[in-house]
Protein backbone atom coordinates (compact mmCIF):
# COMPACT_ATOMS: atom_id res chain seq x y z
CA MET A 1 -9.93 -51.54 94.32
CA LYS A 2 -8.10 -55.59 94.78
CA LEU A 3 -9.49 -58.06 97.74
CA PHE A 4 -7.37 -59.47 100.02
CA GLN A 5 -7.12 -62.21 102.20
CA CYS A 6 -6.60 -62.55 106.31
CA GLN A 7 -3.16 -65.20 106.16
CA CYS A 8 -4.38 -66.31 109.80
CA CYS A 9 -7.46 -67.79 108.45
CA LYS A 10 -8.04 -67.14 104.48
CA GLN A 11 -11.30 -64.72 104.92
CA VAL A 12 -11.46 -62.18 102.56
CA LEU A 13 -10.71 -58.91 103.53
CA TYR A 14 -12.05 -55.82 101.88
CA PHE A 15 -9.70 -52.58 102.02
CA GLU A 16 -12.39 -51.20 105.00
CA ASN A 17 -11.80 -53.86 107.12
CA THR A 18 -10.72 -53.25 110.52
CA VAL A 19 -11.44 -56.63 111.92
CA CYS A 20 -11.19 -59.98 110.35
CA LEU A 21 -14.96 -61.17 111.07
CA ARG A 22 -13.73 -65.24 110.39
CA CYS A 23 -11.29 -65.46 112.81
CA GLY A 24 -11.87 -61.60 114.71
CA GLN A 25 -8.17 -60.70 114.72
CA THR A 26 -7.94 -57.08 114.40
CA VAL A 27 -6.63 -56.23 110.82
CA GLY A 28 -4.64 -53.38 108.83
CA TYR A 29 -3.76 -51.61 105.74
CA LEU A 30 0.03 -52.01 105.08
CA PRO A 31 0.11 -49.18 102.69
CA GLN A 32 4.08 -49.91 102.17
CA GLU A 33 3.60 -53.68 100.97
CA ASP A 34 -0.13 -52.61 99.78
CA ARG A 35 -1.38 -55.85 102.03
CA MET A 36 -4.19 -56.23 104.65
CA ALA A 37 -2.66 -57.94 107.59
CA ALA A 38 -4.28 -59.88 110.75
CA VAL A 39 -1.86 -58.33 113.94
CA GLU A 40 -1.98 -58.43 117.51
CA ALA A 41 -1.34 -56.23 120.51
CA ASP A 42 2.18 -56.29 121.61
CA GLY A 43 2.90 -52.81 124.15
CA PRO A 44 1.70 -50.04 122.32
CA ARG A 45 2.77 -51.08 119.36
CA TRP A 46 1.49 -53.95 116.45
CA ARG A 47 3.45 -56.89 114.92
CA VAL A 48 1.81 -58.73 111.96
CA LEU A 49 0.68 -62.45 112.77
CA PRO A 50 2.56 -65.65 111.36
CA ALA A 51 0.48 -66.87 108.07
CA ASN A 52 -1.30 -69.82 109.33
CA GLY A 53 0.80 -73.10 108.74
CA HIS A 54 4.04 -70.56 108.92
CA TYR A 55 5.76 -70.11 112.36
CA ALA A 56 8.64 -67.58 111.29
CA PRO A 57 7.76 -64.80 113.15
CA ASP A 58 7.85 -61.19 111.73
CA THR A 59 10.10 -59.47 113.86
CA ARG A 60 8.71 -55.83 112.62
CA ARG A 61 6.79 -53.52 114.71
CA TRP A 62 4.00 -51.16 113.46
CA ARG A 63 1.70 -48.50 114.79
CA PHE A 64 -1.91 -47.65 113.64
CA CYS A 65 -2.38 -44.49 112.16
CA ARG A 66 -3.60 -42.16 114.50
CA ASN A 67 -7.02 -41.31 113.13
CA TRP A 68 -7.43 -45.80 113.83
CA GLU A 69 -8.45 -44.41 117.32
CA LEU A 70 -11.15 -42.19 115.92
CA SER A 71 -12.28 -45.11 114.07
CA ALA A 72 -11.33 -42.79 110.56
CA CYS A 73 -8.64 -44.83 109.69
CA ASN A 74 -7.34 -48.44 109.34
CA TRP A 75 -3.80 -47.62 108.31
CA MET A 76 -0.77 -48.51 109.44
CA VAL A 77 2.78 -47.59 109.59
CA PRO A 78 6.50 -48.98 110.43
CA ALA A 79 7.24 -48.30 114.20
CA GLY A 80 10.84 -47.41 113.47
CA ASP A 81 12.97 -50.74 114.49
CA GLU A 82 14.65 -53.32 112.67
CA GLY A 83 15.88 -50.91 109.96
CA TYR A 84 12.37 -49.49 109.12
CA ALA A 85 13.43 -45.58 109.78
CA GLU A 86 10.25 -43.58 111.13
CA ALA A 87 9.42 -40.68 109.04
CA PRO A 88 8.81 -37.55 110.51
CA GLY A 89 5.00 -37.85 111.47
CA ALA A 90 4.84 -41.77 111.19
CA ALA A 91 4.04 -42.39 115.00
CA GLU A 92 0.87 -40.66 114.45
CA PHE A 93 -0.56 -39.98 110.83
CA CYS A 94 -0.08 -42.83 107.95
CA PRO A 95 0.95 -41.64 104.40
CA ALA A 96 -3.01 -40.89 103.22
CA CYS A 97 -3.75 -38.58 106.35
CA ARG A 98 -0.57 -36.98 106.40
CA HIS A 99 -2.08 -34.35 103.81
CA ASN A 100 -4.63 -33.60 105.95
CA ARG A 101 -4.74 -29.82 107.21
CA THR A 102 -7.92 -29.62 108.36
CA VAL A 103 -10.97 -31.52 109.78
CA PRO A 104 -13.90 -30.04 111.16
CA ASN A 105 -15.00 -30.05 115.20
CA LEU A 106 -14.74 -33.73 116.00
CA ASP A 107 -17.02 -32.78 119.51
CA ASP A 108 -20.23 -32.76 117.40
CA PRO A 109 -21.22 -36.64 116.43
CA LEU A 110 -22.44 -35.52 113.69
CA HIS A 111 -19.29 -33.80 112.69
CA ARG A 112 -17.26 -36.51 113.58
CA ALA A 113 -19.91 -39.60 111.08
CA ARG A 114 -19.21 -37.11 108.10
CA TRP A 115 -15.78 -36.96 108.21
CA GLN A 116 -15.17 -40.46 108.95
CA LYS A 117 -17.08 -41.00 105.21
CA ILE A 118 -14.89 -38.68 103.77
CA GLU A 119 -11.88 -40.43 105.28
CA ALA A 120 -12.86 -43.29 103.61
CA ALA A 121 -12.72 -41.99 100.37
CA LYS A 122 -9.89 -40.13 100.80
CA ARG A 123 -8.00 -43.51 101.74
CA ARG A 124 -9.32 -44.76 98.50
CA LEU A 125 -8.35 -41.82 96.64
CA ILE A 126 -4.61 -41.97 97.81
CA TYR A 127 -4.61 -45.80 96.85
CA THR A 128 -5.07 -45.43 93.53
CA LEU A 129 -2.92 -42.31 93.50
CA THR A 130 0.19 -44.68 94.60
CA ARG A 131 -0.73 -47.63 92.59
CA LEU A 132 -0.21 -45.20 89.48
CA GLY A 133 2.85 -43.97 90.64
CA LEU A 134 2.17 -40.77 91.00
CA PRO A 135 3.60 -37.94 93.34
CA CYS A 136 1.88 -37.20 96.24
CA PRO A 137 4.18 -34.60 98.65
CA VAL A 138 3.42 -33.84 101.98
CA THR A 139 4.05 -30.08 103.60
CA GLY A 140 7.81 -30.84 104.82
CA ASP A 141 8.90 -32.44 101.78
CA GLY A 142 9.92 -29.53 100.08
CA HIS A 143 7.16 -29.43 97.53
CA PRO A 144 6.41 -25.93 95.97
CA GLU A 145 2.91 -27.40 95.71
CA PRO A 146 1.97 -29.90 98.54
CA LEU A 147 -1.26 -31.80 98.55
CA VAL A 148 -3.15 -30.86 101.20
CA PHE A 149 -6.76 -31.63 102.30
CA ASP A 150 -9.28 -29.12 104.33
CA PHE A 151 -12.19 -30.78 105.33
CA LEU A 152 -14.23 -28.03 106.42
CA ALA A 153 -18.29 -27.65 107.35
CA ASP A 154 -20.31 -24.51 107.12
CA ALA A 155 -20.19 -21.67 109.75
CA PRO A 156 -23.02 -22.15 112.14
CA GLY A 157 -26.42 -20.93 110.98
CA GLY A 158 -25.58 -21.27 107.39
CA THR A 159 -24.26 -17.67 107.45
CA GLU A 160 -21.22 -19.01 105.29
CA ARG A 161 -21.29 -21.91 102.82
CA VAL A 162 -18.15 -24.39 102.08
CA MET A 163 -17.63 -24.38 99.06
CA THR A 164 -15.37 -27.90 97.44
CA GLY A 165 -12.25 -27.29 95.29
CA HIS A 166 -8.86 -27.05 94.67
CA ALA A 167 -6.89 -24.04 94.62
CA ASP A 168 -2.71 -24.40 94.78
CA GLY A 169 -2.62 -27.98 96.04
CA VAL A 170 -5.02 -27.50 98.75
CA VAL A 171 -8.47 -29.31 98.38
CA THR A 172 -11.22 -28.22 100.20
CA ILE A 173 -13.92 -30.84 100.49
CA ALA A 174 -17.76 -29.36 101.92
CA LEU A 175 -18.61 -31.57 104.98
CA ASN A 176 -22.28 -31.42 103.75
CA GLU A 177 -21.18 -33.69 101.30
CA ALA A 178 -21.03 -36.47 103.45
CA ASP A 179 -24.71 -35.79 104.15
CA ASP A 180 -26.31 -38.42 101.79
CA ALA A 181 -29.54 -36.26 101.07
CA ALA A 182 -27.98 -33.02 101.27
CA ARG A 183 -25.68 -34.52 98.66
CA GLU A 184 -28.63 -35.88 96.38
CA GLN A 185 -30.61 -32.89 96.32
CA ALA A 186 -27.68 -30.84 95.39
CA ARG A 187 -27.54 -33.47 92.34
CA THR A 188 -30.81 -33.22 91.03
CA GLU A 189 -31.15 -29.90 91.46
CA MET A 190 -27.56 -29.10 89.82
CA GLY A 191 -28.47 -31.71 86.95
CA GLU A 192 -25.55 -33.93 87.84
CA ALA A 193 -25.84 -37.64 86.59
CA TYR A 194 -23.51 -38.75 89.19
CA ARG A 195 -22.05 -37.25 92.21
CA THR A 196 -20.47 -38.96 95.30
CA LEU A 197 -17.73 -38.51 97.83
CA LEU A 198 -15.27 -40.67 96.15
CA GLY A 199 -16.37 -38.40 93.07
CA HIS A 200 -15.45 -34.83 94.56
CA PHE A 201 -12.03 -36.10 95.74
CA ARG A 202 -10.99 -37.28 92.23
CA HIS A 203 -12.58 -34.76 90.20
CA GLU A 204 -10.93 -32.11 92.67
CA ILE A 205 -7.24 -34.24 92.83
CA GLY A 206 -7.76 -33.59 88.87
CA HIS A 207 -6.97 -30.29 89.05
CA TYR A 208 -3.67 -30.61 91.25
CA TYR A 209 -2.39 -32.95 88.91
CA TRP A 210 -3.16 -30.90 85.62
CA ASP A 211 -0.66 -28.34 87.77
CA LEU A 212 2.16 -31.35 87.92
CA LEU A 213 2.00 -33.02 85.05
CA VAL A 214 0.80 -30.33 82.59
CA ARG A 215 1.68 -26.80 84.06
CA ASP A 216 4.72 -27.58 85.20
CA GLY A 217 5.28 -31.37 83.30
CA GLY A 218 5.53 -29.70 80.14
CA ALA A 219 2.17 -30.52 78.55
CA LEU A 220 0.46 -27.37 77.80
CA GLU A 221 0.64 -27.55 74.34
CA GLY A 222 -0.71 -31.03 74.14
CA PHE A 223 -3.43 -30.23 76.50
CA ARG A 224 -4.63 -26.88 74.92
CA ALA A 225 -4.67 -28.99 71.25
CA MET A 226 -7.25 -31.50 73.38
CA PHE A 227 -8.95 -29.48 75.89
CA GLY A 228 -9.09 -25.89 74.91
CA ASP A 229 -6.72 -22.84 76.04
CA GLU A 230 -6.64 -22.81 79.89
CA ARG A 231 -6.40 -18.81 79.52
CA ALA A 232 -10.16 -18.23 79.01
CA ASP A 233 -11.18 -16.28 81.70
CA TYR A 234 -12.64 -18.88 84.41
CA ASP A 235 -15.11 -16.80 86.36
CA ALA A 236 -16.52 -15.95 82.93
CA ALA A 237 -16.60 -19.13 81.90
CA LEU A 238 -18.26 -20.08 85.10
CA ASP A 239 -21.24 -17.32 84.86
CA ARG A 240 -22.49 -18.65 81.31
CA HIS A 241 -22.07 -21.89 82.64
CA TYR A 242 -25.19 -21.72 84.96
CA ARG A 243 -26.76 -18.79 83.21
CA GLU A 244 -26.83 -21.21 79.76
CA GLY A 245 -26.19 -24.57 80.37
CA ALA A 246 -24.13 -26.75 77.83
CA PRO A 247 -24.11 -26.01 74.50
CA GLU A 248 -25.93 -28.07 71.97
CA GLY A 249 -24.22 -31.12 70.93
CA TRP A 250 -21.68 -31.80 74.27
CA GLN A 251 -22.77 -34.93 74.23
CA GLU A 252 -19.87 -36.09 71.43
CA THR A 253 -17.17 -33.93 72.40
CA HIS A 254 -17.11 -33.64 76.50
CA VAL A 255 -18.22 -36.40 79.58
CA SER A 256 -20.55 -34.11 81.00
CA ALA A 257 -21.91 -31.05 81.01
CA TYR A 258 -20.21 -29.57 83.49
CA ALA A 259 -16.91 -30.38 81.22
CA THR A 260 -18.03 -27.72 78.97
CA MET A 261 -17.91 -24.66 81.07
CA HIS A 262 -13.72 -24.51 81.05
CA PRO A 263 -11.25 -26.50 79.97
CA TRP A 264 -9.37 -26.89 83.33
CA GLU A 265 -13.46 -28.84 84.47
CA ASP A 266 -12.90 -31.15 80.92
CA TRP A 267 -9.78 -31.94 82.14
CA ALA A 268 -10.86 -32.68 85.53
CA GLU A 269 -13.58 -34.12 84.32
CA THR A 270 -11.77 -36.69 82.42
CA TRP A 271 -9.19 -37.25 84.96
CA ALA A 272 -11.67 -38.42 87.30
CA HIS A 273 -13.51 -40.83 84.25
CA TYR A 274 -9.79 -41.96 84.50
CA LEU A 275 -9.80 -43.25 88.10
CA HIS A 276 -13.19 -44.41 87.79
CA MET A 277 -11.79 -46.86 84.76
CA VAL A 278 -8.90 -47.90 86.68
CA ASP A 279 -10.18 -48.38 90.07
CA THR A 280 -13.26 -50.57 89.19
CA LEU A 281 -11.81 -52.14 86.51
CA GLU A 282 -9.43 -53.95 89.32
CA THR A 283 -12.25 -54.99 91.07
CA ALA A 284 -13.73 -56.40 88.67
CA ALA A 285 -10.45 -58.17 87.85
CA ALA A 286 -10.03 -58.97 91.81
CA LEU A 287 -13.42 -60.20 91.19
CA GLY A 288 -12.87 -62.57 88.64
CA ILE A 289 -15.42 -60.67 86.32
CA GLU A 290 -16.33 -61.88 82.93
CA VAL A 291 -19.06 -60.66 80.22
CA GLY A 292 -20.28 -62.77 77.65
CA PRO A 293 -24.09 -62.01 76.75
CA GLU A 294 -25.37 -64.69 75.03
CA VAL A 295 -27.37 -62.76 72.36
CA ASP A 296 -24.39 -60.65 71.84
CA ALA A 297 -23.45 -62.50 68.21
CA GLU A 298 -20.42 -60.13 67.10
CA GLY A 299 -19.01 -59.70 70.68
CA GLY A 300 -19.26 -55.83 71.16
CA LEU A 301 -20.52 -56.47 75.13
CA SER A 302 -17.99 -59.05 75.92
CA THR A 303 -14.82 -58.57 78.29
CA ASP A 304 -12.38 -60.79 80.44
CA ILE A 305 -11.38 -58.86 83.11
CA ASP A 306 -7.62 -60.01 83.47
CA PHE A 307 -4.89 -57.40 83.31
CA ASP A 308 -3.70 -54.89 86.18
CA PRO A 309 -5.81 -51.40 85.20
CA TYR A 310 -2.80 -49.74 86.84
CA ARG A 311 -0.19 -51.08 84.46
CA ILE A 312 -2.19 -51.09 80.62
CA ALA A 313 -0.03 -49.86 78.06
CA ARG A 314 -3.25 -48.42 75.55
CA VAL A 315 -5.95 -46.88 77.13
CA GLU A 316 -7.91 -48.34 73.94
CA TRP A 317 -7.27 -52.11 76.34
CA LEU A 318 -8.96 -49.73 79.10
CA LEU A 319 -12.08 -48.81 77.41
CA SER A 320 -12.19 -52.20 75.33
CA ALA A 321 -13.45 -53.92 79.00
CA TRP A 322 -14.68 -50.84 80.51
CA VAL A 323 -17.80 -50.58 78.14
CA PRO A 324 -19.32 -53.70 78.44
CA LEU A 325 -18.56 -53.70 82.28
CA THR A 326 -20.63 -50.67 82.85
CA VAL A 327 -23.41 -52.19 80.21
CA ALA A 328 -23.39 -54.99 82.95
CA LEU A 329 -23.49 -53.12 85.71
CA ASN A 330 -26.38 -50.88 84.25
CA THR A 331 -28.59 -53.69 83.73
CA LEU A 332 -27.66 -55.16 86.66
CA ASN A 333 -28.83 -52.02 88.18
CA ARG A 334 -31.68 -51.62 86.47
CA SER A 335 -32.62 -55.07 87.84
CA MET A 336 -32.88 -53.64 91.28
CA GLY A 337 -35.05 -50.67 90.22
CA ALA A 338 -31.72 -48.45 91.28
CA ALA A 339 -30.43 -45.44 88.38
CA ASP A 340 -27.47 -46.15 86.22
CA LEU A 341 -23.96 -47.34 88.20
CA TYR A 342 -22.35 -45.70 84.94
CA PRO A 343 -24.60 -42.85 83.65
CA PHE A 344 -22.26 -41.61 81.13
CA ALA A 345 -21.54 -42.52 76.83
CA LEU A 346 -17.64 -42.38 75.86
CA PRO A 347 -17.75 -40.58 72.42
CA GLU A 348 -14.20 -40.73 70.07
CA ALA A 349 -13.80 -37.25 71.46
CA VAL A 350 -13.58 -38.46 75.16
CA ARG A 351 -11.82 -41.09 74.51
CA GLN A 352 -8.77 -39.16 72.80
CA LYS A 353 -8.82 -37.11 75.47
CA LEU A 354 -8.63 -40.12 77.76
CA ALA A 355 -5.95 -41.25 76.10
CA PHE A 356 -3.89 -38.06 76.54
CA VAL A 357 -4.82 -38.45 80.68
CA HIS A 358 -3.41 -42.25 80.47
CA ASP A 359 -0.26 -40.63 78.56
CA LEU A 360 0.59 -38.67 81.06
CA VAL A 361 0.22 -40.94 83.86
CA SER A 362 1.65 -44.00 82.28
CA THR A 363 5.15 -42.23 81.78
CA ARG A 364 4.99 -42.01 85.94
CA TRP A 365 5.97 -45.72 85.46
CA GLY A 366 6.56 -46.91 81.86
């Protein structure tokens, strides 16, 4: 994620900001222009304020996403004047929130608070997909498999639990995953090294893009050579995984134990890690981070992240920056008594799988 700047006072803005903390102006994210902007109300619409020292007025008008009123979104859409055509639903929802099909009962304060966390993670996901140039069709586009989100709460009394997953373009996120304590308990019980809302989104969206880029993109042969045959019985593989666990030596071939369960899960886990890499490296580049330990005589732990990870030609260049960065971040976390930020190893087999993902994605923009 990049950093932004208030055009009125030059204060640094972050992706989730709704107000500039220096000048107090309302701010919103303009996805069509990939920037945060300070805005002021103009009747029912909003106008972008001129940059400090510039006086040419911006005649365009904007609306906040409908979910802004619920403190669940800070994205804006064109109001439809000055040559900006209004897309269907533009008056109500932004490009990220148009994917929502089901949200929980927002009259419940706990549901609303958890849903707001889910929405924050979802916006980061959609930002990444957009930066990668990946298709994000919505219902009504005419696409045979639009991307749809269901955010669901368990049935009252715990009689029916919601399972996070993907099926035919529908990504379901269990509301309980926004309960930090419950999610950490689940992570511990399942022996996972990492479990976050954003991680769930990145994993499940991997299944969606398997449909679009592999199944429908003519890449099945290459996929099977790299990940295995997805026609293997999924339910049997799932049962075997939870009964027997990951096979011995899985660390040499897979990014996580869960990735060993079935080729689909290996793909989704690898995909999620690719998104971890590009987004975190963009953040590091925006912060001007360089890593160069004095004791690293051979330079294996040194990097200068001065490139756009979303437009880099070779995955090896991503990895050459990613490994030193994550070593540094893990070491910093340990200094605070916290767990490693990135508790994973990337053996050669996993690097080849990441290269496969990168090659499929980069064809969208290269």
